Amino acid sequence: MGKTTLAYHAARHLNQPVYLFQATIDTRPEDLIVTPVISDQGKIKYMASSIVTAMIKGGVAVIDEGNRMSEKSWASLAPLMDNRRYVESIVAGIKIKAHPAFRLCTTMNDDASTFDLPEYIHSRLQPQIFIDFPDREEERLILSANLPFADDQILDYVLNFLQVAHEAQERYTVRDGINIARYALKRLNIAKEGKGKAKERTILALKEAASMILDEG
């Protein structure tokens, strides 16, 4: 189970509506709160973000990959995460208070494309839960569930790659492994030759897949 899926189901367990927001490096403060848009009649309309919708309805807002946002964007949410519990929209000129039941959750990744959160934001995000990589048996179960047509040779290759990567502190995830296997399966035209030839083709396809997928990442 991924971090965002875990956050979603934790919120659902509280019997509260869940609203997702995908953070990116381009996320602006107004994207988090209220954004002006031009209507069909040529008039300006103000659209509340999924976070503000959760605030109003007493739901749970889940910000996916929150540390891809800049400090400037996080700063617009600072008063929401302390006892003030509100946000201000400079664009719309309004202050929006959060429903008492509103909760905010964010998931984060640790890689070169993320920002370090400022301490005043980091301290407001409590509690914090670290989710480590799954162990070997769990990882194989995840791979098997997502790759029902992959044979043991492909699963073992991907599993061994991931385990070595984890030991080397490389940030390759089971999602990368699934993508490698899927790419390899596409490259393999279901070899109908001898076993030795089929095995060789499988290894070559997996190596090509790993190179392609990891270079893209």
Protein backbone atom coordinates (compact mmCIF):
# COMPACT_ATOMS: atom_id res chain seq x y z
CA MET A 1 0.00 0.00 0.00
CA GLY A 2 1.37 3.43 -0.94
CA LYS A 3 1.54 6.46 1.33
CA THR A 4 -1.33 8.27 -0.36
CA THR A 5 -3.52 5.17 -0.32
CA LEU A 6 -2.77 4.71 3.38
CA ALA A 7 -3.66 8.34 4.11
CA TYR A 8 -6.87 8.01 2.10
CA HIS A 9 -8.05 4.91 3.94
CA ALA A 10 -7.10 6.36 7.33
CA ALA A 11 -9.33 9.33 6.55
CA ARG A 12 -12.14 7.06 5.35
CA HIS A 13 -11.84 5.14 8.62
CA LEU A 14 -12.83 8.38 10.36
CA ASN A 15 -15.99 8.44 8.23
CA GLN A 16 -15.01 11.81 6.78
CA PRO A 17 -14.95 12.84 3.11
CA VAL A 18 -11.47 12.86 1.59
CA TYR A 19 -10.13 15.50 -0.81
CA LEU A 20 -6.84 14.98 -2.65
CA PHE A 21 -4.48 17.72 -3.82
CA GLN A 22 -1.47 16.89 -5.99
CA ALA A 23 1.47 19.13 -5.12
CA THR A 24 4.08 20.00 -7.73
CA ILE A 25 7.04 22.33 -8.02
CA ASP A 26 4.71 24.76 -9.85
CA THR A 27 2.04 24.86 -7.12
CA ARG A 28 1.28 28.48 -6.21
CA PRO A 29 -0.28 29.78 -2.98
CA GLU A 30 -3.52 30.61 -4.80
CA ASP A 31 -3.69 27.04 -6.16
CA LEU A 32 -3.93 25.85 -2.57
CA ILE A 33 -6.72 28.24 -1.63
CA VAL A 34 -8.80 30.09 -4.25
CA THR A 35 -8.11 30.44 -7.97
CA PRO A 36 -9.79 32.97 -10.30
CA VAL A 37 -11.09 31.53 -13.58
CA ILE A 38 -12.95 33.02 -16.53
CA SER A 39 -16.51 31.68 -16.89
CA ASP A 40 -18.31 30.99 -20.17
CA GLN A 41 -19.94 34.41 -19.88
CA GLY A 42 -16.54 36.09 -19.66
CA LYS A 43 -16.90 36.82 -15.95
CA ILE A 44 -14.38 36.01 -13.25
CA LYS A 45 -15.32 33.14 -10.95
CA TYR A 46 -13.43 32.10 -7.85
CA MET A 47 -12.86 28.36 -7.50
CA ALA A 48 -12.04 26.86 -4.11
CA SER A 49 -9.28 24.27 -4.02
CA SER A 50 -9.87 20.75 -2.75
CA ILE A 51 -8.15 21.81 0.49
CA VAL A 52 -10.59 24.68 1.05
CA THR A 53 -13.49 22.40 0.16
CA ALA A 54 -12.33 19.98 2.86
CA MET A 55 -12.03 22.90 5.29
CA ILE A 56 -15.62 23.98 4.67
CA LYS A 57 -17.16 20.50 4.69
CA GLY A 58 -15.21 19.14 7.63
CA GLY A 59 -13.34 16.59 5.59
CA VAL A 60 -9.74 15.42 5.34
CA ALA A 61 -7.41 17.08 2.84
CA VAL A 62 -4.53 14.90 1.63
CA ILE A 63 -1.69 16.79 -0.05
CA ASP A 64 0.22 14.27 -2.14
CA GLU A 65 4.00 14.78 -2.36
CA GLY A 66 3.82 17.91 -0.25
CA ASN A 67 7.55 18.59 -0.22
CA ARG A 68 7.53 19.24 -3.94
CA MET A 69 5.95 22.62 -3.11
CA SER A 70 8.06 25.66 -2.35
CA GLU A 71 8.19 27.38 1.04
CA LYS A 72 6.10 30.25 -0.36
CA SER A 73 3.23 27.88 -1.07
CA TRP A 74 3.49 26.21 2.34
CA ALA A 75 3.51 29.63 4.03
CA SER A 76 -0.04 30.26 2.79
CA LEU A 77 -1.18 27.24 4.83
CA ALA A 78 0.73 28.09 8.02
CA PRO A 79 -2.23 29.66 9.89
CA LEU A 80 -4.35 26.65 8.98
CA MET A 81 -1.98 24.31 10.81
CA ASP A 82 -1.96 26.03 14.20
CA ASN A 83 -4.71 27.17 16.57
CA ARG A 84 -5.83 29.89 14.15
CA ARG A 85 -7.14 27.28 11.67
CA TYR A 86 -7.86 29.57 8.74
CA VAL A 87 -6.46 30.58 5.37
CA GLU A 88 -6.55 33.94 3.63
CA SER A 89 -7.06 34.40 -0.07
CA ILE A 90 -5.33 37.53 -1.30
CA VAL A 91 -6.87 36.98 -4.74
CA ALA A 92 -10.46 36.87 -3.44
CA GLY A 93 -9.88 39.10 -0.41
CA ILE A 94 -11.46 36.69 2.06
CA LYS A 95 -10.59 34.70 5.17
CA ILE A 96 -11.83 31.12 5.35
CA LYS A 97 -12.12 29.32 8.68
CA ALA A 98 -11.83 25.56 8.94
CA HIS A 99 -14.61 23.31 10.19
CA PRO A 100 -13.78 21.80 13.63
CA ALA A 101 -13.61 18.31 12.10
CA PHE A 102 -11.20 19.34 9.32
CA ARG A 103 -7.88 17.50 9.19
CA LEU A 104 -4.85 17.95 6.96
CA CYS A 105 -2.46 15.19 5.93
CA THR A 106 0.48 15.25 3.54
CA THR A 107 2.68 12.58 2.02
CA MET A 108 6.31 13.21 1.15
CA ASN A 109 9.11 11.59 -0.81
CA ASP A 110 12.83 11.83 -0.20
CA ASP A 111 14.57 12.53 -3.50
CA ALA A 112 16.50 15.22 -5.33
CA SER A 113 13.38 16.87 -6.77
CA THR A 114 11.93 17.83 -3.37
CA PHE A 115 12.34 20.84 -1.08
CA ASP A 116 13.36 20.85 2.56
CA LEU A 117 10.40 22.07 4.58
CA PRO A 118 11.04 25.13 6.77
CA GLU A 119 11.03 24.35 10.50
CA TYR A 120 7.88 26.39 11.19
CA ILE A 121 5.99 24.15 8.76
CA HIS A 122 7.71 20.92 9.75
CA SER A 123 6.84 21.47 13.42
CA ARG A 124 3.16 21.95 12.55
CA LEU A 125 2.88 18.62 10.74
CA GLN A 126 2.26 16.26 13.64
CA PRO A 127 2.29 13.35 14.13
CA GLN A 128 4.83 12.25 11.52
CA ILE A 129 4.95 8.64 10.36
CA PHE A 130 7.95 7.20 8.50
CA ILE A 131 7.03 4.43 6.07
CA ASP A 132 10.04 2.29 5.15
CA PHE A 133 10.37 -0.06 2.19
CA PRO A 134 8.47 -3.35 2.51
CA ASP A 135 10.48 -6.46 3.37
CA ARG A 136 11.27 -9.11 0.75
CA GLU A 137 8.13 -11.21 1.28
CA GLU A 138 5.84 -8.16 1.28
CA GLU A 139 7.52 -6.81 -1.84
CA ARG A 140 7.02 -10.09 -3.68
CA LEU A 141 3.33 -10.12 -2.73
CA ILE A 142 2.94 -6.58 -4.09
CA LEU A 143 4.73 -7.49 -7.32
CA SER A 144 2.66 -10.66 -7.76
CA ALA A 145 -0.60 -8.79 -7.19
CA ASN A 146 0.26 -6.11 -9.75
CA LEU A 147 1.92 -8.44 -12.27
CA PRO A 148 -0.37 -11.48 -12.51
CA PHE A 149 1.00 -12.47 -15.94
CA ALA A 150 4.69 -12.28 -14.99
CA ASP A 151 6.52 -15.57 -14.44
CA ASP A 152 8.86 -16.33 -11.53
CA GLN A 153 11.95 -15.38 -13.52
CA ILE A 154 10.72 -11.83 -14.04
CA LEU A 155 9.47 -11.49 -10.46
CA ASP A 156 12.75 -12.80 -9.03
CA TYR A 157 14.84 -10.47 -11.19
CA VAL A 158 12.84 -7.40 -10.18
CA LEU A 159 12.69 -8.46 -6.54
CA ASN A 160 16.46 -8.99 -6.34
CA PHE A 161 17.07 -5.62 -8.00
CA LEU A 162 14.84 -3.84 -5.48
CA GLN A 163 16.39 -5.57 -2.48
CA VAL A 164 19.93 -4.65 -3.61
CA ALA A 165 18.76 -1.06 -4.22
CA HIS A 166 17.28 -0.83 -0.71
CA GLU A 167 20.50 -2.12 0.88
CA ALA A 168 22.47 0.49 -1.08
CA GLN A 169 20.10 3.23 0.13
CA GLU A 170 18.94 3.90 -3.42
CA ARG A 171 15.44 5.37 -3.58
CA TYR A 172 13.96 2.88 -6.03
CA THR A 173 10.50 1.74 -4.98
CA VAL A 174 8.27 -1.22 -5.73
CA ARG A 175 6.48 1.07 -8.19
CA ASP A 176 9.73 1.30 -10.17
CA GLY A 177 9.95 -2.49 -10.08
CA ILE A 178 6.40 -2.86 -11.39
CA ASN A 179 7.15 -0.44 -14.24
CA ILE A 180 10.33 -2.35 -15.12
CA ALA A 181 8.45 -5.65 -15.29
CA ARG A 182 5.57 -4.19 -17.30
CA TYR A 183 7.96 -2.66 -19.82
CA ALA A 184 9.84 -5.96 -20.11
CA LEU A 185 6.60 -7.89 -20.65
CA LYS A 186 5.69 -5.55 -23.49
CA ARG A 187 9.08 -6.11 -25.08
CA LEU A 188 8.74 -9.85 -24.86
CA ASN A 189 6.63 -11.26 -27.66
CA ILE A 190 5.87 -14.39 -25.64
CA ALA A 191 8.94 -16.35 -26.69
CA LYS A 192 7.98 -19.67 -28.27
CA GLU A 193 11.55 -20.79 -28.80
CA GLY A 194 13.60 -23.13 -26.65
CA LYS A 195 13.79 -22.56 -22.92
CA GLY A 196 17.35 -21.30 -23.04
CA LYS A 197 16.53 -18.78 -25.74
CA ALA A 198 13.39 -17.63 -23.93
CA LYS A 199 15.34 -17.13 -20.70
CA GLU A 200 18.00 -15.13 -22.52
CA ARG A 201 15.39 -12.91 -24.16
CA THR A 202 13.70 -12.34 -20.81
CA ILE A 203 16.94 -11.19 -19.16
CA LEU A 204 17.74 -8.87 -22.06
CA ALA A 205 14.24 -7.38 -21.96
CA LEU A 206 14.49 -6.83 -18.20
CA LYS A 207 17.87 -5.12 -18.51
CA GLU A 208 16.54 -2.89 -21.28
CA ALA A 209 13.44 -2.13 -19.21
CA ALA A 210 15.49 -1.26 -16.12
CA SER A 211 17.69 1.05 -18.16
CA MET A 212 14.72 2.81 -19.78
CA ILE A 213 12.61 3.18 -16.63
CA LEU A 214 15.42 4.29 -14.33
CA ASP A 215 16.85 6.73 -16.87
CA GLU A 216 13.41 8.37 -17.11
CA GLY A 217 13.25 8.67 -13.30
